């Protein structure tokens, strides 16, 4: 059975995708923070370096990913909904699962 996606709920798609982006950013930030803990806390001249900007980034980056992911997915859903009026949307095929 062939189906077509002719409309995407912009808010639901954006909410889901932005949460996925925020959570996936944490996957990258955790190893980066562990590497940062082993980095020397001084510059090439031996002057101490303030680590606060890095720790602020660990908190702010998932929030930025959440906000930007939401905004960009809303825009993408609007574009998809506009284009699908002319192209018929994405088609896919469904089959019934015999195990259920």
Foldseek 3Di string as FASTA:
>chain_A
DKDFDQADDLQVQLQVQLLVQLVVVLVVLVVVVVVVVPDDQADPVRHGHDCVVSVVCSVVVSVVSSVVSSVVSSVVRVVQNVVCVVVVHDMDDDDDDPVD
